[in-house]
Structure formats: C-alpha cells, structure tokens
C-alpha atoms as a PDB file:
ATOM      1  CA  MET A   1       3.530   6.185  52.098  1.00  0.00           C
ATOM      2  CA  ARG A   2       0.210   5.632  50.081  1.00  0.00           C
ATOM      3  CA  PRO A   3       0.429   6.763  46.384  1.00  0.00           C
ATOM      4  CA  PRO A   4      -1.312  10.045  44.912  1.00  0.00           C
ATOM      5  CA  THR A   5      -4.830   9.609  43.835  1.00  0.00           C
ATOM      6  CA  ILE A   6      -7.176  11.905  41.765  1.00  0.00           C
ATOM      7  CA  ARG A   7      -8.280  13.615  44.427  1.00  0.00           C
ATOM      8  CA  ASP A   8      -4.657  14.832  45.432  1.00  0.00           C
ATOM      9  CA  VAL A   9      -4.181  15.899  41.846  1.00  0.00           C
ATOM     10  CA  ALA A  10      -7.456  17.954  41.834  1.00  0.00           C
ATOM     11  CA  ASP A  11      -6.496  19.924  45.179  1.00  0.00           C
ATOM     12  CA  ARG A  12      -3.310  20.598  43.704  1.00  0.00           C
ATOM     13  CA  ALA A  13      -4.541  22.002  40.452  1.00  0.00           C
ATOM     14  CA  GLY A  14      -7.202  23.777  42.451  1.00  0.00           C
ATOM     15  CA  VAL A  15     -10.049  21.721  40.156  1.00  0.00           C
ATOM     16  CA  SER A  16     -12.947  18.676  40.500  1.00  0.00           C
ATOM     17  CA  LYS A  17     -12.166  15.544  39.925  1.00  0.00           C
ATOM     18  CA  SER A  18     -14.242  14.818  37.021  1.00  0.00           C
ATOM     19  CA  LEU A  19     -12.149  18.044  35.407  1.00  0.00           C
ATOM     20  CA  VAL A  20      -8.838  15.902  35.974  1.00  0.00           C
ATOM     21  CA  SER A  21     -10.630  12.730  34.553  1.00  0.00           C
ATOM     22  CA  LEU A  22     -11.748  14.314  31.337  1.00  0.00           C
ATOM     23  CA  VAL A  23      -7.702  15.650  30.967  1.00  0.00           C
ATOM     24  CA  LEU A  24      -6.517  12.312  31.802  1.00  0.00           C
ATOM     25  CA  ARG A  25      -9.417  10.880  28.820  1.00  0.00           C
ATOM     26  CA  GLY A  26      -7.407  13.738  26.387  1.00  0.00           C
ATOM     27  CA  SER A  27     -10.679  15.446  26.336  1.00  0.00           C
ATOM     28  CA  ASP A  28     -10.735  18.505  23.680  1.00  0.00           C
ATOM     29  CA  GLN A  29     -13.491  20.347  26.617  1.00  0.00           C
ATOM     30  CA  VAL A  30     -10.869  21.901  28.990  1.00  0.00           C
ATOM     31  CA  ARG A  31      -9.135  25.287  28.940  1.00  0.00           C
ATOM     32  CA  ALA A  32      -5.879  25.293  27.994  1.00  0.00           C
ATOM     33  CA  GLU A  33      -4.480  26.391  31.236  1.00  0.00           C
ATOM     34  CA  LYS A  34      -7.001  24.329  33.050  1.00  0.00           C
ATOM     35  CA  ARG A  35      -5.191  21.284  31.386  1.00  0.00           C
ATOM     36  CA  GLU A  36      -1.550  22.860  32.125  1.00  0.00           C
ATOM     37  CA  ALA A  37      -2.270  22.976  35.503  1.00  0.00           C
ATOM     38  CA  VAL A  38      -3.949  19.558  35.960  1.00  0.00           C
ATOM     39  CA  LEU A  39      -0.957  17.885  33.945  1.00  0.00           C
ATOM     40  CA  ARG A  40       1.506  19.725  36.133  1.00  0.00           C
ATOM     41  CA  ALA A  41       0.483  18.701  39.242  1.00  0.00           C
ATOM     42  CA  VAL A  42       0.397  14.943  37.500  1.00  0.00           C
ATOM     43  CA  ARG A  43       3.937  15.416  37.415  1.00  0.00           C
ATOM     44  CA  GLU A  44       4.795  16.753  40.662  1.00  0.00           C
ATOM     45  CA  LEU A  45       2.902  14.174  42.294  1.00  0.00           C
ATOM     46  CA  GLY A  46       3.447  11.535  40.552  1.00  0.00           C
ATOM     47  CA  TYR A  47       0.512  10.345  39.816  1.00  0.00           C
ATOM     48  CA  ARG A  48      -0.523   6.973  37.366  1.00  0.00           C
ATOM     49  CA  PRO A  49      -4.235   6.348  36.927  1.00  0.00           C
ATOM     50  CA  ASN A  50      -5.613   3.235  38.287  1.00  0.00           C
ATOM     51  CA  ALA A  51      -5.523   1.057  35.111  1.00  0.00           C
ATOM     52  CA  ALA A  52      -7.783  -1.489  36.481  1.00  0.00           C
ATOM     53  CA  ALA A  53     -10.727   0.981  37.854  1.00  0.00           C
ATOM     54  CA  ARG A  54     -10.758   2.954  34.656  1.00  0.00           C
ATOM     55  CA  SER A  55     -11.453  -0.472  32.565  1.00  0.00           C
ATOM     56  CA  LEU A  56     -14.285  -1.013  34.785  1.00  0.00           C
ATOM     57  CA  SER A  57     -15.756   1.868  34.672  1.00  0.00           C
ATOM     58  CA  GLU A  58     -15.494   2.463  30.675  1.00  0.00           C
ATOM     59  CA  GLN A  59     -15.540  -1.929  30.426  1.00  0.00           C
ATOM     60  CA  ARG A  60     -12.729  -1.381  27.690  1.00  0.00           C
ATOM     61  CA  THR A  61      -9.194  -2.585  28.890  1.00  0.00           C
ATOM     62  CA  ARG A  62      -7.574  -0.545  26.359  1.00  0.00           C
ATOM     63  CA  THR A  63      -5.379  -3.301  25.469  1.00  0.00           C
ATOM     64  CA  ILE A  64      -5.135  -4.856  21.890  1.00  0.00           C
ATOM     65  CA  GLY A  65      -3.828  -8.303  21.632  1.00  0.00           C
ATOM     66  CA  VAL A  66      -1.398  -9.710  18.638  1.00  0.00           C
ATOM     67  CA  LEU A  67      -0.988 -13.162  18.027  1.00  0.00           C
ATOM     68  CA  LEU A  68       2.303 -13.297  15.909  1.00  0.00           C
ATOM     69  CA  ASN A  69       2.887 -16.743  14.052  1.00  0.00           C
ATOM     70  CA  ASP A  70       6.376 -16.764  14.543  1.00  0.00           C
ATOM     71  CA  LEU A  71       8.272 -14.422  16.991  1.00  0.00           C
ATOM     72  CA  ARG A  72      11.453 -15.031  14.837  1.00  0.00           C
ATOM     73  CA  ASN A  73      10.508 -13.062  11.926  1.00  0.00           C
ATOM     74  CA  PRO A  74      12.530 -10.295  11.061  1.00  0.00           C
ATOM     75  CA  TRP A  75       9.529  -8.782   9.121  1.00  0.00           C
ATOM     76  CA  TYR A  76       7.623  -8.314  11.943  1.00  0.00           C
ATOM     77  CA  VAL A  77       9.485  -5.755  13.186  1.00  0.00           C
ATOM     78  CA  ASP A  78       8.463  -2.965  10.631  1.00  0.00           C
ATOM     79  CA  LEU A  79       5.030  -3.988  11.136  1.00  0.00           C
ATOM     80  CA  LEU A  80       4.462  -3.906  14.900  1.00  0.00           C
ATOM     81  CA  ASP A  81       5.943  -0.529  14.374  1.00  0.00           C
ATOM     82  CA  GLY A  82       3.467   0.889  12.362  1.00  0.00           C
ATOM     83  CA  LEU A  83       0.887  -1.127  14.639  1.00  0.00           C
ATOM     84  CA  ASN A  84       1.695   0.335  17.833  1.00  0.00           C
ATOM     85  CA  SER A  85       2.338   3.981  16.323  1.00  0.00           C
ATOM     86  CA  LEU A  86      -1.057   4.321  16.034  1.00  0.00           C
ATOM     87  CA  LEU A  87      -2.910   2.050  18.695  1.00  0.00           C
ATOM     88  CA  HIS A  88      -0.651   4.138  21.049  1.00  0.00           C
ATOM     89  CA  ALA A  89      -1.902   7.356  19.900  1.00  0.00           C
ATOM     90  CA  SER A  90      -5.588   6.191  20.550  1.00  0.00           C
ATOM     91  CA  GLY A  91      -4.549   5.081  24.147  1.00  0.00           C
ATOM     92  CA  LEU A  92      -4.609   1.612  23.361  1.00  0.00           C
ATOM     93  CA  HIS A  93      -1.557  -0.914  24.083  1.00  0.00           C
ATOM     94  CA  MET A  94      -0.793  -3.989  22.605  1.00  0.00           C
ATOM     95  CA  LEU A  95      -0.273  -7.394  24.023  1.00  0.00           C
ATOM     96  CA  LEU A  96       2.118  -9.862  22.265  1.00  0.00           C
ATOM     97  CA  ALA A  97       1.545 -13.670  21.740  1.00  0.00           C
ATOM     98  CA  ASP A  98       3.985 -16.329  19.838  1.00  0.00           C
ATOM     99  CA  ALA A  99       1.469 -18.866  18.365  1.00  0.00           C
ATOM    100  CA  ARG A 100       4.315 -20.568  16.999  1.00  0.00           C
ATOM    101  CA  LEU A 101       5.262 -21.588  20.999  1.00  0.00           C
ATOM    102  CA  ASN A 102       1.446 -21.618  21.740  1.00  0.00           C
ATOM    103  CA  ARG A 103       1.345 -24.593  19.598  1.00  0.00           C
ATOM    104  CA  ARG A 104       4.457 -26.238  20.960  1.00  0.00           C
ATOM    105  CA  VAL A 105       2.857 -26.290  24.642  1.00  0.00           C
ATOM    106  CA  GLY A 106      -0.562 -26.725  23.304  1.00  0.00           C
ATOM    107  CA  HIS A 107      -2.406 -23.861  24.249  1.00  0.00           C
ATOM    108  CA  ASP A 108      -5.173 -21.810  23.332  1.00  0.00           C
ATOM    109  CA  LEU A 109      -3.761 -19.750  20.607  1.00  0.00           C
ATOM    110  CA  ALA A 110      -6.816 -16.749  20.942  1.00  0.00           C
ATOM    111  CA  GLY A 111      -7.972 -18.058  24.416  1.00  0.00           C
ATOM    112  CA  PRO A 112      -6.033 -15.952  26.940  1.00  0.00           C
ATOM    113  CA  PHE A 113      -6.909 -12.645  24.571  1.00  0.00           C
ATOM    114  CA  LEU A 114     -10.443 -13.763  25.594  1.00  0.00           C
ATOM    115  CA  ASP A 115      -9.559 -14.473  29.274  1.00  0.00           C
ATOM    116  CA  LEU A 116      -8.026 -11.251  29.719  1.00  0.00           C
ATOM    117  CA  GLN A 117     -10.965  -9.216  27.711  1.00  0.00           C
ATOM    118  CA  ALA A 118      -8.692  -7.536  25.049  1.00  0.00           C
ATOM    119  CA  ASP A 119     -10.804  -5.035  23.479  1.00  0.00           C
ATOM    120  CA  GLY A 120      -9.819  -7.005  20.274  1.00  0.00           C
ATOM    121  CA  LEU A 121      -7.077  -8.815  18.235  1.00  0.00           C
ATOM    122  CA  VAL A 122      -4.300  -8.737  15.249  1.00  0.00           C
ATOM    123  CA  VAL A 123      -3.095 -11.803  14.246  1.00  0.00           C
ATOM    124  CA  VAL A 124       0.168 -11.075  12.332  1.00  0.00           C
ATOM    125  CA  GLY A 125       1.180 -14.099   9.815  1.00  0.00           C
ATOM    126  CA  THR A 126      -0.358 -17.161   8.327  1.00  0.00           C
ATOM    127  CA  LEU A 127      -1.771 -19.420  11.354  1.00  0.00           C
ATOM    128  CA  PRO A 128      -2.053 -23.319  10.259  1.00  0.00           C
ATOM    129  CA  ASP A 129      -6.331 -22.743  11.371  1.00  0.00           C
ATOM    130  CA  LEU A 130      -8.106 -19.804  11.212  1.00  0.00           C
ATOM    131  CA  THR A 131     -11.111 -21.099  11.426  1.00  0.00           C
ATOM    132  CA  ALA A 132      -9.748 -20.916  15.273  1.00  0.00           C
ATOM    133  CA  LEU A 133     -10.751 -17.307  15.201  1.00  0.00           C
ATOM    134  CA  ASP A 134     -14.317 -17.758  14.663  1.00  0.00           C
ATOM    135  CA  ALA A 135     -15.421 -18.282  18.235  1.00  0.00           C
ATOM    136  CA  VAL A 136     -12.965 -14.826  19.177  1.00  0.00           C
ATOM    137  CA  ALA A 137     -14.290 -12.960  15.827  1.00  0.00           C
ATOM    138  CA  ALA A 138     -17.796 -13.767  17.219  1.00  0.00           C
ATOM    139  CA  ARG A 139     -16.589 -12.081  20.816  1.00  0.00           C
ATOM    140  CA  MET A 140     -14.204  -9.067  19.848  1.00  0.00           C
ATOM    141  CA  PRO A 141     -12.893  -7.440  16.580  1.00  0.00           C
ATOM    142  CA  VAL A 142     -10.613  -9.119  14.427  1.00  0.00           C
ATOM    143  CA  VAL A 143      -7.816  -7.811  11.795  1.00  0.00           C
ATOM    144  CA  VAL A 144      -5.477 -10.263  10.176  1.00  0.00           C
ATOM    145  CA  ALA A 145      -2.214  -8.621   8.908  1.00  0.00           C
ATOM    146  CA  ALA A 146       0.204 -10.052   6.301  1.00  0.00           C
ATOM    147  CA  ALA A 147      -1.767 -13.742   5.448  1.00  0.00           C
ATOM    148  CA  ARG A 148      -4.278 -13.998   2.516  1.00  0.00           C
ATOM    149  CA  GLU A 149      -5.731 -16.867   4.146  1.00  0.00           C
ATOM    150  CA  PRO A 150      -9.845 -17.032   3.797  1.00  0.00           C
ATOM    151  CA  VAL A 151     -11.157 -15.723   7.328  1.00  0.00           C
ATOM    152  CA  PRO A 152     -13.936 -15.772   8.959  1.00  0.00           C
ATOM    153  CA  ALA A 153     -16.717 -13.190   7.983  1.00  0.00           C
ATOM    154  CA  GLY A 154     -16.384  -9.500   9.658  1.00  0.00           C
ATOM    155  CA  VAL A 155     -12.688  -9.988   9.946  1.00  0.00           C
ATOM    156  CA  ASP A 156     -10.308  -7.451   7.944  1.00  0.00           C
ATOM    157  CA  VAL A 157      -7.452  -9.001   6.217  1.00  0.00           C
ATOM    158  CA  VAL A 158      -4.623  -6.100   5.568  1.00  0.00           C
ATOM    159  CA  ALA A 159      -1.566  -7.209   3.723  1.00  0.00           C
ATOM    160  CA  ASN A 160       0.941  -6.927   0.575  1.00  0.00           C
ATOM    161  CA  ASP A 161       0.279  -6.825  -3.045  1.00  0.00           C
ATOM    162  CA  ASP A 162       2.456  -9.826  -2.902  1.00  0.00           C
ATOM    163  CA  GLU A 163       1.299 -10.508  -6.826  1.00  0.00           C
ATOM    164  CA  ARG A 164       2.222  -7.322  -7.806  1.00  0.00           C
ATOM    165  CA  GLY A 165       5.575  -7.552  -6.274  1.00  0.00           C
ATOM    166  CA  ALA A 166       6.589 -10.600  -7.903  1.00  0.00           C
ATOM    167  CA  ARG A 167       5.844  -9.112 -11.085  1.00  0.00           C
ATOM    168  CA  LEU A 168       8.090  -6.343 -10.317  1.00  0.00           C
ATOM    169  CA  VAL A 169      11.228  -8.698  -9.591  1.00  0.00           C
ATOM    170  CA  THR A 170      10.477 -10.903 -12.208  1.00  0.00           C
ATOM    171  CA  GLU A 171      10.175  -8.002 -14.816  1.00  0.00           C
ATOM    172  CA  HIS A 172      13.521  -6.402 -13.574  1.00  0.00           C
ATOM    173  CA  LEU A 173      15.341  -9.539 -14.093  1.00  0.00           C
ATOM    174  CA  VAL A 174      14.063 -10.059 -17.270  1.00  0.00           C
ATOM    175  CA  GLY A 175      14.499  -6.643 -17.803  1.00  0.00           C
ATOM    176  CA  LEU A 176      18.782  -7.253 -16.975  1.00  0.00           C
ATOM    177  CA  GLY A 177      18.407 -10.132 -19.876  1.00  0.00           C
ATOM    178  CA  HIS A 178      17.897 -13.399 -17.613  1.00  0.00           C
ATOM    179  CA  ARG A 179      16.268 -15.691 -19.382  1.00  0.00           C
ATOM    180  CA  ARG A 180      17.064 -18.822 -17.167  1.00  0.00           C
ATOM    181  CA  ILE A 181      14.838 -17.407 -13.904  1.00  0.00           C
ATOM    182  CA  ALA A 182      14.001 -19.838 -10.662  1.00  0.00           C
ATOM    183  CA  HIS A 183      11.980 -19.105  -8.030  1.00  0.00           C
ATOM    184  CA  LEU A 184      12.346 -20.608  -4.286  1.00  0.00           C
ATOM    185  CA  ALA A 185       8.931 -21.024  -3.529  1.00  0.00           C
ATOM    186  CA  GLY A 186       7.920 -21.349  -0.116  1.00  0.00           C
ATOM    187  CA  TYR A 187       4.279 -22.310   1.576  1.00  0.00           C
ATOM    188  CA  GLY A 188       1.013 -20.579   2.065  1.00  0.00           C
ATOM    189  CA  ALA A 189      -1.089 -18.556   0.422  1.00  0.00           C
ATOM    190  CA  VAL A 190       1.431 -15.598   0.268  1.00  0.00           C
ATOM    191  CA  ALA A 191       3.786 -17.617  -0.845  1.00  0.00           C
ATOM    192  CA  GLU A 192       1.416 -19.265  -3.553  1.00  0.00           C
ATOM    193  CA  LEU A 193       0.581 -15.527  -4.766  1.00  0.00           C
ATOM    194  CA  ARG A 194       3.978 -14.877  -5.252  1.00  0.00           C
ATOM    195  CA  ARG A 195       5.199 -18.062  -7.338  1.00  0.00           C
ATOM    196  CA  ARG A 196       1.934 -17.923  -9.190  1.00  0.00           C
ATOM    197  CA  SER A 197       2.790 -14.215 -10.691  1.00  0.00           C
ATOM    198  CA  PHE A 198       6.321 -15.521 -10.991  1.00  0.00           C
ATOM    199  CA  GLU A 199       5.216 -18.042 -13.234  1.00  0.00           C
ATOM    200  CA  THR A 200       2.688 -15.997 -15.184  1.00  0.00           C
ATOM    201  CA  THR A 201       5.010 -12.910 -15.585  1.00  0.00           C
ATOM    202  CA  ALA A 202       7.833 -15.408 -16.830  1.00  0.00           C
ATOM    203  CA  ARG A 203       5.385 -16.660 -19.119  1.00  0.00           C
ATOM    204  CA  ALA A 204       4.204 -13.385 -20.698  1.00  0.00           C
ATOM    205  CA  HIS A 205       8.133 -12.568 -21.308  1.00  0.00           C
ATOM    206  CA  GLY A 206       8.360 -16.225 -23.110  1.00  0.00           C
ATOM    207  CA  LEU A 207      10.085 -17.743 -20.792  1.00  0.00           C
ATOM    208  CA  ALA A 208       7.711 -20.346 -19.817  1.00  0.00           C
ATOM    209  CA  ASP A 209      10.813 -23.007 -20.699  1.00  0.00           C
ATOM    210  CA  GLY A 210      13.197 -20.830 -18.558  1.00  0.00           C
ATOM    211  CA  ALA A 211      11.262 -20.334 -15.219  1.00  0.00           C
ATOM    212  CA  LEU A 212      11.834 -22.652 -12.469  1.00  0.00           C
ATOM    213  CA  VAL A 213      10.190 -23.330  -9.389  1.00  0.00           C
ATOM    214  CA  GLU A 214      12.162 -25.141  -6.451  1.00  0.00           C
ATOM    215  CA  PRO A 215      10.314 -25.962  -3.245  1.00  0.00           C
ATOM    216  CA  CYS A 216      11.886 -24.598  -0.344  1.00  0.00           C
ATOM    217  CA  ASP A 217      10.649 -23.980   3.595  1.00  0.00           C
ATOM    218  CA  MET A 218      11.431 -20.661   3.605  1.00  0.00           C
ATOM    219  CA  THR A 219      14.262 -20.672   6.222  1.00  0.00           C
ATOM    220  CA  GLU A 220      17.873 -20.013   5.960  1.00  0.00           C
ATOM    221  CA  GLU A 221      18.926 -23.668   5.591  1.00  0.00           C
ATOM    222  CA  GLY A 222      16.250 -24.480   3.116  1.00  0.00           C
ATOM    223  CA  GLY A 223      17.042 -21.723   0.928  1.00  0.00           C
ATOM    224  CA  TYR A 224      20.580 -23.277   0.658  1.00  0.00           C
ATOM    225  CA  ARG A 225      19.629 -26.407   0.081  1.00  0.00           C
ATOM    226  CA  ALA A 226      16.917 -25.450  -2.650  1.00  0.00           C
ATOM    227  CA  THR A 227      20.189 -23.312  -4.086  1.00  0.00           C
ATOM    228  CA  VAL A 228      22.362 -26.298  -4.128  1.00  0.00           C
ATOM    229  CA  ARG A 229      19.709 -28.349  -5.977  1.00  0.00           C
ATOM    230  CA  LEU A 230      19.578 -25.677  -8.943  1.00  0.00           C
ATOM    231  CA  LEU A 231      22.884 -24.971  -9.104  1.00  0.00           C
ATOM    232  CA  ALA A 232      23.362 -28.805  -9.927  1.00  0.00           C
ATOM    233  CA  ARG A 233      21.349 -28.718 -13.126  1.00  0.00           C
ATOM    234  CA  PRO A 234      22.996 -28.585 -16.298  1.00  0.00           C
ATOM    235  CA  ASP A 235      20.858 -25.822 -17.203  1.00  0.00           C
ATOM    236  CA  ARG A 236      21.455 -23.935 -14.138  1.00  0.00           C
ATOM    237  CA  PRO A 237      19.194 -20.286 -13.623  1.00  0.00           C
ATOM    238  CA  THR A 238      21.186 -17.281 -13.626  1.00  0.00           C
ATOM    239  CA  ALA A 239      18.700 -15.686 -11.204  1.00  0.00           C
ATOM    240  CA  ILE A 240      17.167 -16.767  -8.574  1.00  0.00           C
ATOM    241  CA  PHE A 241      14.472 -14.972  -6.727  1.00  0.00           C
ATOM    242  CA  ALA A 242      13.748 -16.140  -3.197  1.00  0.00           C
ATOM    243  CA  VAL A 243      10.318 -15.906  -1.285  1.00  0.00           C
ATOM    244  CA  ASN A 244      11.906 -13.881   1.310  1.00  0.00           C
ATOM    245  CA  ASP A 245      15.004 -12.099   2.876  1.00  0.00           C
ATOM    246  CA  ILE A 246      16.137 -15.208   5.003  1.00  0.00           C
ATOM    247  CA  ALA A 247      15.675 -17.952   2.273  1.00  0.00           C
ATOM    248  CA  CYS A 248      17.492 -15.620  -0.185  1.00  0.00           C
ATOM    249  CA  VAL A 249      20.761 -15.302   2.678  1.00  0.00           C
ATOM    250  CA  GLY A 250      20.890 -18.884   2.451  1.00  0.00           C
ATOM    251  CA  ALA A 251      20.938 -18.978  -1.520  1.00  0.00           C
ATOM    252  CA  LEU A 252      24.056 -16.560  -1.105  1.00  0.00           C
ATOM    253  CA  SER A 253      25.751 -18.807   1.234  1.00  0.00           C
ATOM    254  CA  ALA A 254      24.688 -21.742  -1.670  1.00  0.00           C
ATOM    255  CA  ALA A 255      26.601 -19.571  -4.394  1.00  0.00           C
ATOM    256  CA  GLY A 256      29.499 -18.688  -2.330  1.00  0.00           C
ATOM    257  CA  GLU A 257      30.507 -22.415  -1.432  1.00  0.00           C
ATOM    258  CA  LEU A 258      30.137 -22.983  -4.982  1.00  0.00           C
ATOM    259  CA  GLY A 259      32.776 -20.202  -6.298  1.00  0.00           C
ATOM    260  CA  LEU A 260      30.085 -18.130  -7.631  1.00  0.00           C
ATOM    261  CA  ALA A 261      30.266 -14.670  -7.392  1.00  0.00           C
ATOM    262  CA  VAL A 262      26.892 -12.325  -6.767  1.00  0.00           C
ATOM    263  CA  PRO A 263      26.007 -10.533  -9.311  1.00  0.00           C
ATOM    264  CA  ARG A 264      28.343 -11.190 -11.546  1.00  0.00           C
ATOM    265  CA  ASP A 265      27.758 -14.978 -12.104  1.00  0.00           C
ATOM    266  CA  LEU A 266      24.367 -15.082 -10.416  1.00  0.00           C
ATOM    267  CA  SER A 267      21.733 -12.827  -9.186  1.00  0.00           C
ATOM    268  CA  VAL A 268      19.426 -13.375  -6.581  1.00  0.00           C
ATOM    269  CA  VAL A 269      16.430 -11.412  -5.151  1.00  0.00           C
ATOM    270  CA  GLY A 270      14.666 -11.768  -2.137  1.00  0.00           C
ATOM    271  CA  TYR A 271      11.311 -10.655  -0.643  1.00  0.00           C
ATOM    272  CA  ASP A 272      10.865  -8.550   2.521  1.00  0.00           C
ATOM    273  CA  ASN A 273      13.042  -5.941   2.763  1.00  0.00           C
ATOM    274  CA  THR A 274      13.958  -6.539   6.607  1.00  0.00           C
ATOM    275  CA  SER A 275      16.951  -5.110   8.205  1.00  0.00           C
ATOM    276  CA  ILE A 276      19.099  -8.451   7.340  1.00  0.00           C
ATOM    277  CA  SER A 277      19.034  -7.613   3.489  1.00  0.00           C
ATOM    278  CA  ARG A 278      20.422  -3.480   4.454  1.00  0.00           C
ATOM    279  CA  LEU A 279      23.249  -5.012   5.940  1.00  0.00           C
ATOM    280  CA  ARG A 280      26.227  -3.355   4.041  1.00  0.00           C
ATOM    281  CA  HIS A 281      27.673  -7.015   3.305  1.00  0.00           C
ATOM    282  CA  LEU A 282      24.251  -8.617   2.077  1.00  0.00           C
ATOM    283  CA  TRP A 283      23.004  -5.783   0.609  1.00  0.00           C
ATOM    284  CA  LEU A 284      20.139  -7.925  -1.405  1.00  0.00           C
ATOM    285  CA  THR A 285      17.838  -6.564  -3.537  1.00  0.00           C
ATOM    286  CA  THR A 286      14.854  -7.207  -2.549  1.00  0.00           C
ATOM    287  CA  VAL A 287      10.885  -6.311  -2.092  1.00  0.00           C
ATOM    288  CA  ASP A 288       9.490  -3.499   0.205  1.00  0.00           C
ATOM    289  CA  HIS A 289       6.450  -5.265   1.197  1.00  0.00           C
ATOM    290  CA  ALA A 290       5.450  -1.753   3.201  1.00  0.00           C
ATOM    291  CA  GLY A 291       5.468  -3.553   6.513  1.00  0.00           C
ATOM    292  CA  HIS A 292       5.012  -0.124   8.490  1.00  0.00           C
ATOM    293  CA  GLU A 293       1.930   0.856   6.546  1.00  0.00           C
ATOM    294  CA  VAL A 294       0.748  -2.452   6.488  1.00  0.00           C
ATOM    295  CA  GLY A 295       0.706  -2.229  10.246  1.00  0.00           C
ATOM    296  CA  ARG A 296      -0.996   1.115  10.446  1.00  0.00           C
ATOM    297  CA  ARG A 297      -3.509   0.135   7.789  1.00  0.00           C
ATOM    298  CA  ALA A 298      -4.446  -3.024  10.555  1.00  0.00           C
ATOM    299  CA  ALA A 299      -4.341  -0.382  13.157  1.00  0.00           C
ATOM    300  CA  ARG A 300      -7.127   1.919  11.495  1.00  0.00           C
ATOM    301  CA  CYS A 301      -9.250  -0.839  10.148  1.00  0.00           C
ATOM    302  CA  LEU A 302      -8.898  -2.289  14.240  1.00  0.00           C
ATOM    303  CA  LEU A 303     -10.300   1.145  15.293  1.00  0.00           C
ATOM    304  CA  ASP A 304     -12.853   1.339  12.839  1.00  0.00           C
ATOM    305  CA  ARG A 305     -14.433  -1.688  14.127  1.00  0.00           C
ATOM    306  CA  LEU A 306     -14.081  -0.844  17.444  1.00  0.00           C
ATOM    307  CA  GLU A 307     -16.086   2.614  16.628  1.00  0.00           C
ATOM    308  CA  ARG A 308     -18.602   0.520  14.418  1.00  0.00           C
ATOM    309  CA  PRO A 309     -18.507  -2.971  15.226  1.00  0.00           C
ATOM    310  CA  GLY A 310     -20.661  -5.217  12.781  1.00  0.00           C
ATOM    311  CA  ALA A 311     -19.310  -4.064   8.930  1.00  0.00           C
ATOM    312  CA  ALA A 312     -18.853  -6.853   6.614  1.00  0.00           C
ATOM    313  CA  GLY A 313     -14.896  -7.892   6.392  1.00  0.00           C
ATOM    314  CA  ARG A 314     -12.509  -6.326   3.375  1.00  0.00           C
ATOM    315  CA  VAL A 315      -9.538  -6.782   2.390  1.00  0.00           C
ATOM    316  CA  HIS A 316      -6.698  -3.981   2.043  1.00  0.00           C
ATOM    317  CA  LEU A 317      -3.338  -4.439  -0.030  1.00  0.00           C
ATOM    318  CA  ALA A 318      -0.802  -2.076   0.471  1.00  0.00           C
ATOM    319  CA  ALA A 319       1.417  -1.455  -2.774  1.00  0.00           C
ATOM    320  CA  PRO A 320       5.218  -3.046  -2.628  1.00  0.00           C
ATOM    321  CA  THR A 321       8.020  -1.356  -4.119  1.00  0.00           C
ATOM    322  CA  LEU A 322      11.425  -3.172  -5.328  1.00  0.00           C
ATOM    323  CA  GLU A 323      14.774  -2.104  -4.134  1.00  0.00           C
ATOM    324  CA  VAL A 324      17.102  -2.687  -6.131  1.00  0.00           C
ATOM    325  CA  ARG A 325      20.813  -3.155  -4.518  1.00  0.00           C
ATOM    326  CA  GLY A 326      23.966  -5.107  -5.316  1.00  0.00           C
ATOM    327  CA  THR A 327      22.859  -9.032  -5.666  1.00  0.00           C
ATOM    328  CA  THR A 328      21.591  -7.908  -9.236  1.00  0.00           C
ATOM    329  CA  GLY A 329      23.130  -7.642 -12.266  1.00  0.00           C
ATOM    330  CA  PRO A 330      23.261  -8.590 -16.085  1.00  0.00           C
ATOM    331  CA  PRO A 331      23.430 -12.516 -16.392  1.00  0.00           C
ATOM    332  CA  PRO A 332      27.429 -14.156 -17.285  1.00  0.00           C
ATOM    333  CA  ALA A 333      28.163 -13.332 -20.964  1.00  0.00           C
ATOM    334  CA  THR A 334      28.397 -17.331 -21.489  1.00  0.00           C
END
C-alpha cells in the first residue's frame, strides 16, 4: 500500500496542493476553516511530509547540530531542554553528537554536521580546541553555549555569569561566619572565572589567608581526593565550595568517611543545580546557573543568525541564583 501524498490530502480536504503546502509550513495566510480541513485530512490519512523533498525545495534541512563536550554531564539536560523547546517551536530538529566519544575514536568533531548539511551548530561546553570551529563558522551559523573560551569572529557565546555565581557562594559562606573556606578548582575558562571570583571575594572580606584553592579534575573521585587532602591539613577549612555538583558529591563522601557531619562540622556547596543536587539524601546548597535559560538564549541567537547572518559575535550572560539547601550552616563552635 503506497503512502498518502500531498495530492491525496488536497483531494480529501477539497483544496489545492499549494494551500496544503502553506498549512504545513505554518503560514498565517490561510483561513481557519481551510486550515482545519487540511489538518483533519492529514490526521485521517496519516500523511507525513517528505522531509528530503522539502529540504531540496527550501535548500534547508531544518536540522541543527548540537555538539556536546561530554554527554555524561547531567547539567546539559536542562540546557538541552531549553534549547530544544525553542528550536522545536520554530520547526527545527536537533542532531546530537558527543565530542568526547568523537575525540576518542579520532573523528572530526564538526565534520558530520557539515556532511549532513545542518542549518546551524550549537556547541555545548568547553572543547579542547575551539579553533576547529573556524571552518564550520565560515559555512553555517555557530553558537557556543556554557563555555567562555575565545571563539571565532561571528560566533555568539551564551553562558552563565560564573563570576557572579562564585561571588554568591563565597558571600553566603562568609555571611554564615566561615573564615577558612576552600575551593575545589577545575580546569578551563569557566572554572578559572569561578576560582578568580572566589579569591577576589574572599580578599574583599579580609580572608586572603583563609581562602584555600585545591585543584580538582571536576569528577566525583577528584572531588573526593581533593577534599581528603584539605581535611588532612592542621588548619582544615570549615567550608568547601566545589567547582560543580559532581565534585561536591565527592566532597560529601570524603567528609562522611572522616566522620564529619554536614553541615554541623563542614559546609559544602556545589555549582550547577543538577538533578543530583536535588536528591533528598544529598540536598546540596548549589548555584543554579540558569541552564534552561542558557539553552533558550542559545536557540534564540541561532535563530537570529539564520535570519540575519554576518553579524558580529556577542557574549550573552544569564544571571545565576544561589539555592540554599541542607549542606551549609555556621562553622563549628571550636
């Protein structure tokens, strides 16, 4: 049995093929009763537009490539939700790729999106070498989300205001009375912004000597090992601010193994407000860095570039908020 065609839809609805095409493209130039007749015929016949034929006629594939730095990062869920909500409303579809896996097998990071003739590309997270985007940005609109490394000209960057987020954490801990605060610092431009803001804010409150920075690889195991090192110090901190929620979970594990109660003996704060931080048995104090909003803004920037290519690239920052939960409190009395 052959699949229904646009001619079948037109005959069933009693309209022309061109009017069916207008309805399927979402045109507002069709009267309500005609639109309903076409949509009813589409439902009754089970008609599905030929995407390949439409792409040829429009010279667009209506697909957007999304290159994730690491598919395992739980914070990307909120960002992708915000990104997809706006793209989908505009009739565009996402194609996902994992940059970490592509690097391991030696594949070109963005090449597949060029081969598939995607209409644009959103890069999510910090890639080891953003200069690889030069050739891509010359052929399609590119937006970088959740990273702050230098990008090619004409590429928009949408990110969280990481300096403000780290300042919110540090001031929260200082306000609780902590004078010895440690930061589990990560790598990359985003982590560097958080570290510098932590140190600057601590100095502004007269805590230059009490502010410690401990390197961390931003994993749970890395957070655990860095916290063990910190808590072995004779002047161990009374509060730890981790570069992300994953490392913060590692800090919680280290504190528990050493017999420290959180937050009675040690306060800990994460960053990202991932679903992990909202688990009831963790209930982390953390920074919500507006993942959904970053995703929506990235989609908006890409849609604008599709409509008006060639504009200069800009940096767009979303405002973070501090989510105070169950892992922070005043420092121990002694």
